[in-house]
Amino acid sequence: MFTRFVVTFVLSAMPVLAQNIDEGRQIFLQNCATCHGVSARGDGPMTGALTTQPPDLTQLNANNEGVFPRVRVVFRIDGRDPIMSHGGPMPMFGYMLDGKSAAMDAEDGTPILTSEMMVDIVSYLESIQR
């Protein structure tokens, strides 16, 4: 009960943030397109050097029963859910956790604590689902 109160208090003290999909697209192009491709379909120029091919990020909803897997996406990008790609973990972009704190709702409505930059990139990925 006390933990729920503390989390609620902390989240209520955080500013309400509107996601910036255009900024998320720019972050994606600068950091992710080399492997995932400009269109996010797993066809980046580095795919030939990778032992595990990057997934088509436009199919995350389709591969998750029509629900965008926000928790999985955040945790894979920030390294809380490590995955292997080119013989080691996918590059973790820890700097995306720097800066202003932010929260976004998980699929079940619980908050995911992260950064504004992460909210933007996840919002962009959610916007390109086919």
N, C-alpha and C. Protein backbone atom coordinates (compact mmCIF):
# COMPACT_ATOMS: atom_id res chain seq x y z
N MET A 1 0.83 -1.18 0.00
CA MET A 1 0.00 0.00 0.00
C MET A 1 0.87 1.25 0.00
N PHE A 2 1.91 1.27 0.87
CA PHE A 2 2.80 2.42 0.94
C PHE A 2 3.52 2.63 -0.39
N THR A 3 3.96 1.53 -1.02
CA THR A 3 4.65 1.62 -2.30
C THR A 3 3.74 2.23 -3.36
N ARG A 4 2.51 1.79 -3.40
CA ARG A 4 1.56 2.34 -4.36
C ARG A 4 1.37 3.83 -4.13
N PHE A 5 1.32 4.26 -2.87
CA PHE A 5 1.19 5.67 -2.54
C PHE A 5 2.40 6.46 -3.04
N VAL A 6 3.61 5.92 -2.80
CA VAL A 6 4.83 6.60 -3.22
C VAL A 6 4.87 6.72 -4.74
N VAL A 7 4.58 5.63 -5.45
CA VAL A 7 4.57 5.67 -6.92
C VAL A 7 3.55 6.68 -7.41
N THR A 8 2.37 6.67 -6.85
CA THR A 8 1.33 7.62 -7.25
C THR A 8 1.79 9.05 -6.98
N PHE A 9 2.41 9.29 -5.83
CA PHE A 9 2.88 10.62 -5.49
C PHE A 9 3.96 11.08 -6.46
N VAL A 10 4.92 10.21 -6.75
CA VAL A 10 6.01 10.56 -7.66
C VAL A 10 5.47 10.86 -9.05
N LEU A 11 4.58 10.01 -9.53
CA LEU A 11 4.03 10.22 -10.87
C LEU A 11 3.19 11.48 -10.94
N SER A 12 2.48 11.79 -9.87
CA SER A 12 1.66 13.00 -9.89
C SER A 12 2.53 14.25 -9.87
N ALA A 13 3.77 14.14 -9.40
CA ALA A 13 4.68 15.27 -9.38
C ALA A 13 5.36 15.48 -10.72
N MET A 14 5.30 14.48 -11.58
CA MET A 14 5.93 14.59 -12.90
C MET A 14 5.01 15.34 -13.85
N PRO A 15 5.58 16.14 -14.75
CA PRO A 15 4.74 16.84 -15.69
C PRO A 15 4.07 15.88 -16.66
N VAL A 16 2.88 16.23 -17.10
CA VAL A 16 2.20 15.43 -18.11
C VAL A 16 2.84 15.79 -19.45
N LEU A 17 3.30 14.77 -20.17
CA LEU A 17 4.05 15.00 -21.39
C LEU A 17 3.26 14.56 -22.61
N ALA A 18 3.29 15.38 -23.61
CA ALA A 18 2.75 14.97 -24.89
C ALA A 18 3.91 14.36 -25.68
N GLN A 19 3.67 13.21 -26.25
CA GLN A 19 4.74 12.61 -27.02
C GLN A 19 4.96 13.39 -28.30
N ASN A 20 6.19 13.39 -28.76
CA ASN A 20 6.57 14.09 -29.97
C ASN A 20 7.01 13.04 -30.99
N ILE A 21 6.09 12.65 -31.85
CA ILE A 21 6.35 11.59 -32.82
C ILE A 21 7.43 12.01 -33.81
N ASP A 22 7.45 13.28 -34.23
CA ASP A 22 8.48 13.73 -35.17
C ASP A 22 9.87 13.64 -34.54
N GLU A 23 9.98 14.01 -33.28
CA GLU A 23 11.26 13.89 -32.57
C GLU A 23 11.63 12.41 -32.44
N GLY A 24 10.66 11.56 -32.15
CA GLY A 24 10.91 10.13 -32.07
C GLY A 24 11.42 9.56 -33.38
N ARG A 25 10.90 10.05 -34.48
CA ARG A 25 11.36 9.60 -35.81
C ARG A 25 12.82 9.99 -36.01
N GLN A 26 13.17 11.21 -35.62
CA GLN A 26 14.55 11.66 -35.76
C GLN A 26 15.50 10.82 -34.90
N ILE A 27 15.09 10.53 -33.69
CA ILE A 27 15.90 9.68 -32.80
C ILE A 27 16.08 8.31 -33.44
N PHE A 28 15.00 7.76 -33.99
CA PHE A 28 15.07 6.46 -34.64
C PHE A 28 16.05 6.50 -35.82
N LEU A 29 15.93 7.50 -36.67
CA LEU A 29 16.81 7.58 -37.84
C LEU A 29 18.28 7.71 -37.43
N GLN A 30 18.55 8.43 -36.37
CA GLN A 30 19.93 8.64 -35.92
C GLN A 30 20.52 7.42 -35.22
N ASN A 31 19.70 6.62 -34.57
CA ASN A 31 20.22 5.56 -33.72
C ASN A 31 19.85 4.15 -34.12
N CYS A 32 18.79 3.98 -34.86
CA CYS A 32 18.24 2.64 -35.08
C CYS A 32 18.21 2.21 -36.54
N ALA A 33 18.17 3.17 -37.45
CA ALA A 33 17.97 2.86 -38.86
C ALA A 33 19.12 2.07 -39.47
N THR A 34 20.31 2.17 -38.91
CA THR A 34 21.44 1.42 -39.45
C THR A 34 21.15 -0.07 -39.44
N CYS A 35 20.49 -0.54 -38.42
CA CYS A 35 20.14 -1.97 -38.35
C CYS A 35 18.70 -2.22 -38.78
N HIS A 36 17.78 -1.40 -38.29
CA HIS A 36 16.36 -1.65 -38.54
C HIS A 36 15.86 -1.07 -39.86
N GLY A 37 16.65 -0.22 -40.51
CA GLY A 37 16.27 0.37 -41.78
C GLY A 37 15.47 1.65 -41.59
N VAL A 38 15.53 2.51 -42.58
CA VAL A 38 14.83 3.79 -42.54
C VAL A 38 13.33 3.57 -42.39
N SER A 39 12.82 2.50 -43.00
CA SER A 39 11.39 2.20 -42.92
C SER A 39 11.04 1.33 -41.70
N ALA A 40 12.04 0.98 -40.89
CA ALA A 40 11.87 0.17 -39.67
C ALA A 40 11.44 -1.26 -39.95
N ARG A 41 11.72 -1.74 -41.16
CA ARG A 41 11.29 -3.09 -41.53
C ARG A 41 12.39 -4.13 -41.42
N GLY A 42 13.48 -3.79 -40.72
CA GLY A 42 14.55 -4.76 -40.51
C GLY A 42 15.50 -4.89 -41.67
N ASP A 43 15.58 -3.85 -42.50
CA ASP A 43 16.38 -3.93 -43.71
C ASP A 43 17.48 -2.87 -43.77
N GLY A 44 18.08 -2.57 -42.63
CA GLY A 44 19.14 -1.57 -42.59
C GLY A 44 20.42 -2.06 -43.23
N PRO A 45 21.33 -1.16 -43.53
CA PRO A 45 22.57 -1.54 -44.20
C PRO A 45 23.49 -2.45 -43.39
N MET A 46 23.31 -2.55 -42.09
CA MET A 46 24.15 -3.42 -41.25
C MET A 46 23.63 -4.85 -41.15
N THR A 47 22.48 -5.15 -41.72
CA THR A 47 21.89 -6.48 -41.53
C THR A 47 22.81 -7.61 -41.98
N GLY A 48 23.62 -7.37 -43.00
CA GLY A 48 24.54 -8.41 -43.48
C GLY A 48 25.59 -8.80 -42.46
N ALA A 49 25.90 -7.91 -41.55
CA ALA A 49 26.93 -8.17 -40.53
C ALA A 49 26.35 -8.72 -39.23
N LEU A 50 25.04 -8.81 -39.14
CA LEU A 50 24.40 -9.24 -37.90
C LEU A 50 24.11 -10.73 -37.93
N THR A 51 24.31 -11.41 -36.80
CA THR A 51 23.99 -12.84 -36.72
C THR A 51 22.51 -13.05 -36.49
N THR A 52 21.85 -12.11 -35.85
CA THR A 52 20.40 -12.15 -35.65
C THR A 52 19.81 -10.96 -36.39
N GLN A 53 18.93 -11.21 -37.30
CA GLN A 53 18.37 -10.14 -38.10
C GLN A 53 17.39 -9.30 -37.28
N PRO A 54 17.41 -7.99 -37.47
CA PRO A 54 16.49 -7.11 -36.75
C PRO A 54 15.05 -7.38 -37.19
N PRO A 55 14.12 -7.28 -36.27
CA PRO A 55 12.73 -7.52 -36.63
C PRO A 55 12.13 -6.35 -37.41
N ASP A 56 11.04 -6.62 -38.08
CA ASP A 56 10.24 -5.60 -38.73
C ASP A 56 9.47 -4.88 -37.63
N LEU A 57 9.89 -3.68 -37.30
CA LEU A 57 9.27 -2.95 -36.18
C LEU A 57 7.90 -2.39 -36.52
N THR A 58 7.49 -2.50 -37.79
CA THR A 58 6.14 -2.05 -38.16
C THR A 58 5.11 -3.15 -37.90
N GLN A 59 5.58 -4.32 -37.48
CA GLN A 59 4.70 -5.47 -37.24
C GLN A 59 4.57 -5.82 -35.76
N LEU A 60 4.98 -4.93 -34.87
CA LEU A 60 4.93 -5.24 -33.44
C LEU A 60 3.50 -5.49 -32.97
N ASN A 61 2.56 -4.67 -33.41
CA ASN A 61 1.14 -4.90 -33.06
C ASN A 61 0.67 -6.26 -33.59
N ALA A 62 0.93 -6.49 -34.87
CA ALA A 62 0.46 -7.72 -35.52
C ALA A 62 1.03 -8.96 -34.83
N ASN A 63 2.26 -8.85 -34.34
CA ASN A 63 2.89 -9.99 -33.67
C ASN A 63 2.56 -10.08 -32.19
N ASN A 64 1.70 -9.19 -31.71
CA ASN A 64 1.34 -9.17 -30.29
C ASN A 64 -0.19 -9.04 -30.14
N GLU A 65 -0.91 -9.79 -30.94
CA GLU A 65 -2.37 -9.84 -30.87
C GLU A 65 -3.02 -8.46 -30.97
N GLY A 66 -2.43 -7.57 -31.80
CA GLY A 66 -3.01 -6.25 -32.05
C GLY A 66 -2.74 -5.21 -30.99
N VAL A 67 -1.89 -5.54 -30.02
CA VAL A 67 -1.58 -4.60 -28.93
C VAL A 67 -0.11 -4.21 -29.03
N PHE A 68 0.16 -2.91 -29.01
CA PHE A 68 1.55 -2.46 -29.07
C PHE A 68 2.24 -2.80 -27.75
N PRO A 69 3.36 -3.54 -27.80
CA PRO A 69 4.04 -4.00 -26.58
C PRO A 69 4.98 -2.94 -26.00
N ARG A 70 4.43 -1.91 -25.41
CA ARG A 70 5.24 -0.79 -24.91
C ARG A 70 6.32 -1.23 -23.93
N VAL A 71 5.96 -2.06 -22.97
CA VAL A 71 6.94 -2.48 -21.96
C VAL A 71 8.11 -3.18 -22.63
N ARG A 72 7.82 -4.12 -23.50
CA ARG A 72 8.88 -4.87 -24.18
C ARG A 72 9.76 -3.93 -25.01
N VAL A 73 9.15 -2.98 -25.71
CA VAL A 73 9.92 -2.05 -26.54
C VAL A 73 10.84 -1.19 -25.67
N VAL A 74 10.31 -0.59 -24.62
CA VAL A 74 11.13 0.24 -23.74
C VAL A 74 12.26 -0.58 -23.14
N PHE A 75 11.94 -1.76 -22.61
CA PHE A 75 12.94 -2.58 -21.93
C PHE A 75 14.01 -3.10 -22.88
N ARG A 76 13.65 -3.35 -24.12
CA ARG A 76 14.67 -3.81 -25.08
C ARG A 76 15.58 -2.66 -25.48
N ILE A 77 15.03 -1.48 -25.66
CA ILE A 77 15.86 -0.35 -26.04
C ILE A 77 16.79 0.04 -24.90
N ASP A 78 16.28 0.10 -23.69
CA ASP A 78 17.11 0.59 -22.59
C ASP A 78 17.96 -0.49 -21.93
N GLY A 79 17.79 -1.76 -22.35
CA GLY A 79 18.64 -2.82 -21.85
C GLY A 79 18.10 -3.58 -20.65
N ARG A 80 16.91 -3.23 -20.16
CA ARG A 80 16.34 -3.99 -19.04
C ARG A 80 15.94 -5.39 -19.48
N ASP A 81 15.72 -5.58 -20.78
CA ASP A 81 15.41 -6.89 -21.36
C ASP A 81 16.43 -7.13 -22.46
N PRO A 82 17.63 -7.61 -22.10
CA PRO A 82 18.69 -7.73 -23.11
C PRO A 82 18.38 -8.78 -24.16
N ILE A 83 18.74 -8.47 -25.39
CA ILE A 83 18.61 -9.42 -26.49
C ILE A 83 19.95 -9.48 -27.21
N MET A 84 20.19 -10.57 -27.88
CA MET A 84 21.44 -10.73 -28.60
C MET A 84 21.22 -10.40 -30.06
N SER A 85 22.19 -9.71 -30.65
CA SER A 85 22.08 -9.41 -32.08
C SER A 85 23.35 -9.83 -32.78
N HIS A 86 24.35 -9.01 -32.83
CA HIS A 86 25.57 -9.30 -33.57
C HIS A 86 26.63 -9.93 -32.69
N GLY A 87 26.25 -11.04 -32.03
CA GLY A 87 27.18 -11.75 -31.18
C GLY A 87 27.23 -11.20 -29.77
N GLY A 88 26.45 -10.20 -29.49
CA GLY A 88 26.39 -9.56 -28.18
C GLY A 88 25.05 -8.89 -28.04
N PRO A 89 24.85 -8.18 -26.94
CA PRO A 89 23.54 -7.54 -26.74
C PRO A 89 23.30 -6.43 -27.75
N MET A 90 22.03 -6.22 -28.05
CA MET A 90 21.66 -5.10 -28.90
C MET A 90 22.24 -3.84 -28.26
N PRO A 91 22.71 -2.91 -29.05
CA PRO A 91 23.23 -1.69 -28.44
C PRO A 91 22.19 -1.09 -27.49
N MET A 92 22.65 -0.77 -26.32
CA MET A 92 21.76 -0.14 -25.35
C MET A 92 22.01 1.35 -25.40
N PHE A 93 20.96 2.08 -25.45
CA PHE A 93 21.06 3.52 -25.58
C PHE A 93 20.75 4.17 -24.24
N GLY A 94 21.66 4.00 -23.29
CA GLY A 94 21.47 4.51 -21.94
C GLY A 94 21.27 6.01 -21.88
N TYR A 95 21.88 6.73 -22.82
CA TYR A 95 21.72 8.18 -22.81
C TYR A 95 20.26 8.58 -23.05
N MET A 96 19.48 7.68 -23.62
CA MET A 96 18.06 7.98 -23.81
C MET A 96 17.33 8.06 -22.48
N LEU A 97 17.97 7.57 -21.43
CA LEU A 97 17.36 7.63 -20.11
C LEU A 97 17.75 8.89 -19.37
N ASP A 98 18.72 9.61 -19.92
CA ASP A 98 19.14 10.86 -19.32
C ASP A 98 18.13 11.95 -19.64
N GLY A 99 18.24 13.04 -18.95
CA GLY A 99 17.34 14.15 -19.20
C GLY A 99 16.10 14.06 -18.36
N LYS A 100 15.07 14.73 -18.81
CA LYS A 100 13.83 14.79 -18.05
C LYS A 100 13.17 13.42 -17.95
N SER A 101 12.76 13.11 -16.74
CA SER A 101 12.03 11.86 -16.51
C SER A 101 10.63 11.97 -17.09
N ALA A 102 10.11 10.83 -17.45
CA ALA A 102 8.77 10.77 -18.00
C ALA A 102 8.16 9.42 -17.65
N ALA A 103 6.90 9.34 -17.82
CA ALA A 103 6.20 8.07 -17.62
C ALA A 103 5.23 7.88 -18.76
N MET A 104 5.05 6.65 -19.14
CA MET A 104 4.03 6.32 -20.13
C MET A 104 3.30 5.08 -19.63
N ASP A 105 2.10 4.91 -20.11
CA ASP A 105 1.31 3.76 -19.67
C ASP A 105 1.74 2.50 -20.39
N ALA A 106 1.87 1.44 -19.63
CA ALA A 106 2.09 0.11 -20.19
C ALA A 106 0.77 -0.38 -20.77
N GLU A 107 0.81 -1.54 -21.39
CA GLU A 107 -0.41 -2.09 -21.98
C GLU A 107 -1.51 -2.26 -20.95
N ASP A 108 -1.16 -2.56 -19.73
CA ASP A 108 -2.16 -2.79 -18.69
C ASP A 108 -2.48 -1.53 -17.88
N GLY A 109 -1.92 -0.39 -18.29
CA GLY A 109 -2.21 0.87 -17.63
C GLY A 109 -1.25 1.25 -16.51
N THR A 110 -0.35 0.34 -16.14
CA THR A 110 0.62 0.69 -15.11
C THR A 110 1.70 1.59 -15.72
N PRO A 111 2.28 2.47 -14.92
CA PRO A 111 3.26 3.39 -15.47
C PRO A 111 4.62 2.73 -15.73
N ILE A 112 5.25 3.15 -16.80
CA ILE A 112 6.62 2.77 -17.11
C ILE A 112 7.44 4.03 -16.90
N LEU A 113 8.37 4.00 -15.97
CA LEU A 113 9.22 5.15 -15.73
C LEU A 113 10.38 5.12 -16.72
N THR A 114 10.57 6.23 -17.43
CA THR A 114 11.60 6.30 -18.46
C THR A 114 11.97 7.77 -18.67
N SER A 115 12.28 8.17 -19.88
CA SER A 115 12.65 9.54 -20.19
C SER A 115 11.77 10.09 -21.30
N GLU A 116 11.80 11.40 -21.47
CA GLU A 116 11.04 12.01 -22.56
C GLU A 116 11.49 11.46 -23.90
N MET A 117 12.80 11.29 -24.07
CA MET A 117 13.32 10.79 -25.34
C MET A 117 12.78 9.40 -25.64
N MET A 118 12.71 8.54 -24.63
CA MET A 118 12.19 7.19 -24.83
C MET A 118 10.70 7.24 -25.16
N VAL A 119 9.96 8.12 -24.51
CA VAL A 119 8.53 8.27 -24.81
C VAL A 119 8.36 8.65 -26.28
N ASP A 120 9.21 9.55 -26.77
CA ASP A 120 9.12 9.99 -28.16
C ASP A 120 9.39 8.85 -29.13
N ILE A 121 10.45 8.09 -28.91
CA ILE A 121 10.78 7.02 -29.85
C ILE A 121 9.74 5.91 -29.82
N VAL A 122 9.26 5.57 -28.63
CA VAL A 122 8.23 4.53 -28.53
C VAL A 122 6.94 5.02 -29.20
N SER A 123 6.61 6.28 -29.03
CA SER A 123 5.41 6.84 -29.68
C SER A 123 5.56 6.81 -31.19
N TYR A 124 6.76 7.10 -31.68
CA TYR A 124 7.00 7.00 -33.13
C TYR A 124 6.79 5.56 -33.61
N LEU A 125 7.40 4.61 -32.91
CA LEU A 125 7.24 3.21 -33.32
C LEU A 125 5.79 2.77 -33.29
N GLU A 126 5.07 3.23 -32.30
CA GLU A 126 3.65 2.89 -32.23
C GLU A 126 2.88 3.49 -33.40
N SER A 127 3.32 4.66 -33.87
CA SER A 127 2.60 5.35 -34.95
C SER A 127 2.81 4.70 -36.32
N ILE A 128 3.84 3.86 -36.48
CA ILE A 128 4.13 3.28 -37.80
C ILE A 128 3.66 1.83 -37.93
N GLN A 129 2.85 1.38 -37.00
CA GLN A 129 2.37 0.01 -37.06
C GLN A 129 1.45 -0.20 -38.26
N ARG A 130 1.62 -1.38 -38.91
CA ARG A 130 0.78 -1.71 -40.07
C ARG A 130 -0.18 -2.80 -39.68
